[in-house]
Protein backbone atom coordinates (compact mmCIF):
# COMPACT_ATOMS: atom_id res chain seq x y z
CA MET A 1 -22.22 -4.13 -12.10
CA THR A 2 -23.55 -0.60 -11.71
CA ARG A 3 -22.03 -0.29 -8.25
CA GLN A 4 -18.64 -1.40 -9.55
CA ALA A 5 -18.89 1.05 -12.46
CA ILE A 6 -19.64 3.84 -9.99
CA LEU A 7 -16.65 2.90 -7.83
CA ASN A 8 -14.43 2.79 -10.92
CA GLY A 9 -15.71 6.20 -12.00
CA ALA A 10 -15.24 7.65 -8.53
CA ALA A 11 -11.72 6.25 -8.37
CA ALA A 12 -10.81 7.78 -11.72
CA ALA A 13 -12.22 11.16 -10.65
CA PHE A 14 -10.62 11.20 -7.18
CA ASP A 15 -7.30 9.99 -8.60
CA ALA A 16 -7.30 12.76 -11.19
CA THR A 17 -8.38 15.77 -9.12
CA GLY A 18 -8.63 14.76 -5.46
CA TYR A 19 -11.58 14.70 -3.12
CA GLY A 20 -12.22 18.43 -2.80
CA SER A 21 -12.25 19.10 -6.54
CA THR A 22 -14.45 16.13 -7.47
CA SER A 23 -18.22 16.49 -7.72
CA LEU A 24 -20.86 13.80 -7.96
CA SER A 25 -21.46 14.99 -11.52
CA ASP A 26 -17.81 14.19 -12.26
CA VAL A 27 -18.25 10.72 -10.79
CA ALA A 28 -21.42 10.06 -12.79
CA LYS A 29 -19.69 11.20 -15.98
CA HIS A 30 -16.65 8.96 -15.39
CA ALA A 31 -18.90 6.03 -14.48
CA GLY A 32 -21.30 6.51 -17.37
CA VAL A 33 -24.37 6.44 -15.10
CA THR A 34 -27.14 8.83 -14.15
CA LYS A 35 -27.11 10.68 -10.83
CA GLY A 36 -30.18 8.68 -9.87
CA ALA A 37 -28.29 5.42 -10.31
CA LEU A 38 -25.40 6.86 -8.32
CA TYR A 39 -27.62 7.90 -5.41
CA PHE A 40 -29.28 4.49 -5.41
CA HIS A 41 -25.95 2.93 -4.42
CA PHE A 42 -24.22 5.76 -2.53
CA SER A 43 -25.89 8.47 -0.50
CA SER A 44 -23.05 10.99 -0.79
CA LYS A 45 -19.57 11.75 -2.03
CA GLU A 46 -18.32 10.91 1.46
CA ALA A 47 -19.83 7.41 1.22
CA LEU A 48 -18.10 6.84 -2.11
CA ALA A 49 -14.77 7.98 -0.71
CA GLN A 50 -15.15 5.79 2.36
CA ALA A 51 -15.83 2.72 0.20
CA LEU A 52 -12.56 3.29 -1.68
CA VAL A 53 -10.63 3.90 1.53
CA GLU A 54 -11.93 0.61 2.92
CA GLU A 55 -10.87 -1.19 -0.27
CA GLN A 56 -7.24 -0.14 0.08
CA GLN A 57 -7.27 -1.39 3.66
CA GLN A 58 -7.97 -4.88 2.31
CA TYR A 59 -4.29 -5.04 1.32
CA ALA A 60 -3.37 -4.75 4.98
CA GLU A 61 -5.89 -7.46 5.87
CA LEU A 62 -4.17 -9.86 3.45
CA LEU A 63 -1.19 -9.95 5.82
CA ALA A 64 -3.34 -11.77 8.40
CA ASP A 65 -3.95 -14.63 5.94
CA VAL A 66 -0.27 -15.49 5.45
CA PRO A 67 0.54 -18.80 7.24
CA ARG A 68 3.98 -17.71 8.54
CA PRO A 69 4.12 -13.92 8.24
CA GLY A 70 7.45 -12.23 8.72
CA VAL A 71 10.01 -9.87 7.22
CA GLN A 72 9.78 -11.19 3.65
CA THR A 73 5.99 -10.95 3.88
CA LEU A 74 6.32 -7.21 4.49
CA ILE A 75 8.90 -6.76 1.74
CA ASP A 76 6.65 -8.54 -0.74
CA MET A 77 3.61 -6.55 0.37
CA GLY A 78 5.51 -3.35 -0.32
CA HIS A 79 6.16 -4.51 -3.88
CA ARG A 80 2.53 -5.60 -4.30
CA MET A 81 1.41 -2.17 -3.17
CA ALA A 82 3.89 -0.54 -5.57
CA HIS A 83 2.51 -2.63 -8.42
CA GLY A 84 -1.07 -1.86 -7.42
CA LEU A 85 -0.43 1.86 -7.24
CA ARG A 86 0.78 1.79 -10.83
CA HIS A 87 -1.96 -0.41 -12.25
CA ASP A 88 -5.07 -0.21 -10.03
CA VAL A 89 -6.88 3.13 -10.10
CA ARG A 90 -9.07 2.14 -7.18
CA LEU A 91 -6.06 1.49 -4.99
CA ARG A 92 -4.47 4.76 -6.12
CA ALA A 93 -7.64 6.66 -5.31
CA GLY A 94 -8.01 4.97 -1.93
CA VAL A 95 -4.44 5.82 -0.97
CA ARG A 96 -4.81 9.41 -2.19
CA LEU A 97 -7.98 9.80 -0.14
CA VAL A 98 -6.27 8.42 2.98
CA VAL A 99 -3.45 10.94 2.58
CA GLU A 100 -5.87 13.80 1.91
CA PHE A 101 -8.12 12.93 4.84
CA GLY A 102 -5.05 12.72 7.07
CA SER A 103 -3.80 16.14 6.01
CA PHE A 104 -6.89 18.35 6.15
CA GLY A 105 -9.86 18.93 8.41
CA SER A 106 -10.29 16.29 11.11
CA PRO A 107 -7.71 13.56 10.39
CA ASP A 108 -8.97 9.98 10.56
CA PRO A 109 -6.31 7.76 12.16
CA ALA A 110 -8.13 4.49 11.41
CA PRO A 111 -6.50 3.67 8.01
CA TYR A 112 -3.03 4.41 9.37
CA SER A 113 -3.67 2.40 12.52
CA ALA A 114 -4.89 -0.56 10.46
CA TRP A 115 -1.65 -0.66 8.49
CA ILE A 116 0.55 -0.15 11.54
CA ASN A 117 -1.22 -2.96 13.40
CA ALA A 118 -0.99 -5.35 10.44
CA ILE A 119 2.73 -4.64 10.02
CA ARG A 120 3.35 -4.99 13.74
CA ASP A 121 1.67 -8.40 13.79
CA CYS A 122 4.04 -9.63 11.07
CA LEU A 123 7.00 -8.27 13.00
CA VAL A 124 5.86 -9.99 16.21
CA HIS A 125 6.01 -13.36 14.43
CA ALA A 126 9.34 -12.50 12.85
CA GLN A 127 10.86 -11.45 16.17
CA ALA A 128 9.65 -14.65 17.84
CA ARG A 129 11.52 -16.63 15.16
CA GLY A 130 14.69 -14.61 15.65
CA ASP A 131 14.39 -12.67 12.36
CA VAL A 132 14.08 -9.27 14.11
CA GLN A 133 16.60 -8.13 16.69
CA THR A 134 15.33 -8.65 20.23
CA GLY A 135 15.94 -5.07 21.34
CA ILE A 136 13.64 -3.57 18.69
CA ASN A 137 10.21 -2.30 19.66
CA VAL A 138 8.10 -3.77 16.85
CA THR A 139 5.30 -1.22 17.30
CA ASP A 140 7.76 1.61 16.73
CA LEU A 141 9.25 -0.19 13.75
CA ALA A 142 5.78 -0.78 12.27
CA ASN A 143 5.07 2.93 12.58
CA VAL A 144 8.33 3.78 10.80
CA LEU A 145 7.68 1.28 7.99
CA SER A 146 4.15 2.53 7.37
CA SER A 147 5.31 6.14 7.37
CA ALA A 148 8.29 5.37 5.16
CA PHE A 149 6.17 3.70 2.49
CA THR A 150 3.70 6.60 2.53
CA GLY A 151 6.55 9.03 1.96
CA LEU A 152 8.19 6.86 -0.68
CA GLN A 153 5.07 6.50 -2.77
CA LEU A 154 4.27 10.22 -2.57
CA THR A 155 7.77 11.21 -3.61
CA SER A 156 7.83 8.61 -6.38
CA HIS A 157 4.46 9.87 -7.62
CA VAL A 158 5.76 13.43 -7.89
CA LEU A 159 9.14 12.58 -9.43
CA THR A 160 8.40 9.67 -11.77
CA ALA A 161 4.63 8.98 -11.70
CA ARG A 162 5.61 5.98 -9.53
CA LYS A 163 7.64 4.33 -12.30
CA ASP A 164 10.56 3.91 -9.89
CA LEU A 165 8.50 2.82 -6.87
CA ASP A 166 9.69 -0.81 -6.96
CA ASP A 167 13.28 0.41 -6.89
CA ARG A 168 12.53 2.72 -3.98
CA VAL A 169 10.88 -0.11 -2.01
CA THR A 170 13.95 -2.24 -2.70
CA ASP A 171 16.20 0.58 -1.46
CA LEU A 172 14.12 0.99 1.69
CA TRP A 173 14.67 -2.63 2.68
CA ARG A 174 18.27 -2.75 1.48
CA PHE A 175 19.09 0.02 3.94
CA LEU A 176 16.81 -1.16 6.76
CA LEU A 177 17.53 -4.88 6.88
CA PRO A 178 21.02 -4.60 8.43
CA GLY A 179 19.59 -2.54 11.29
CA VAL A 180 16.54 -4.73 11.85
CA VAL A 181 17.57 -8.33 11.21
CA PRO A 182 20.36 -10.13 13.11
CA PRO A 183 23.48 -10.07 10.89
CA ARG A 184 23.61 -13.83 10.39
CA ARG A 185 20.06 -13.80 8.98
CA VAL A 186 20.13 -10.78 6.65
CA SER A 187 20.96 -12.93 3.60
CA ARG A 188 17.71 -14.87 4.02
CA PHE A 189 15.67 -11.91 2.80
CA GLU A 190 15.34 -10.41 -0.67
CA PRO A 191 14.77 -6.63 -0.67
CA ALA A 192 13.67 -6.74 -4.33
CA GLY A 193 10.91 -9.24 -3.54
CA SER A 194 10.81 -13.00 -3.26
CA PRO A 195 10.93 -15.02 -6.51
CA GLU A 196 7.27 -15.96 -5.97
CA CYS A 197 6.24 -12.34 -5.52
CA ARG A 198 8.19 -11.15 -8.56
CA ALA A 199 6.66 -13.89 -10.71
CA GLU A 200 3.16 -12.99 -9.47
CA LEU A 201 3.68 -9.33 -10.36
CA GLY A 202 5.27 -10.05 -13.73
CA LEU A 203 8.67 -8.70 -12.66
CA PRO A 204 11.78 -10.27 -14.20
CA PRO A 205 13.69 -12.74 -12.02
CA LEU A 206 16.81 -11.36 -10.41
CA SER A 207 20.17 -12.55 -11.62
CA GLU A 208 22.60 -13.78 -8.99
CA GLY A 209 24.54 -10.53 -9.17
CA GLU A 210 21.42 -8.40 -8.83
CA SER A 211 20.26 -10.44 -5.86
CA ASP A 212 23.62 -10.06 -4.11
CA LYS A 213 23.56 -6.31 -4.77
CA ALA A 214 20.02 -6.03 -3.43
């Protein structure tokens, strides 16, 4: 319980002020623990940050557990990430740390590579089923998708505190699907998220007109 409280406190501190401006005293204050308790579980601020970075990578690992991963799997994961970024401070902090570590000092490619590889694996299955055009290099597409979501969530954070992130994820796929999926199969996929995904996230079901527009 103490470890989880420390991670929650660290997430709140990193999310609010970023890695460089957060001290271990800030973490202890947010977590409601002593510095001694903090050091018992984490040897440094770097160790705390790394634990949160590894947590956000668990979202990518979920893709490997889907029985028949494909295009809709990736669409739904984008909406799950959007929901998590609005409601889960630990995910927000982990993503912020990944972006910060990739922008300053010695960039760590591991978190980006993990996402790119997980997305590529979904696309490999989709392409084998005929849901991705045969001429597309799925590694390149995975790189574009990972980069696009990173940019979308950063822009949404600045402009609307991520309130419009679901809409932006929907737009991303609405524009991409015609260039990625064979024309006869585009209608199989729902850019706004599958009914199961929307129900899981507490999003309202799409009307027929909304679904057609999406």
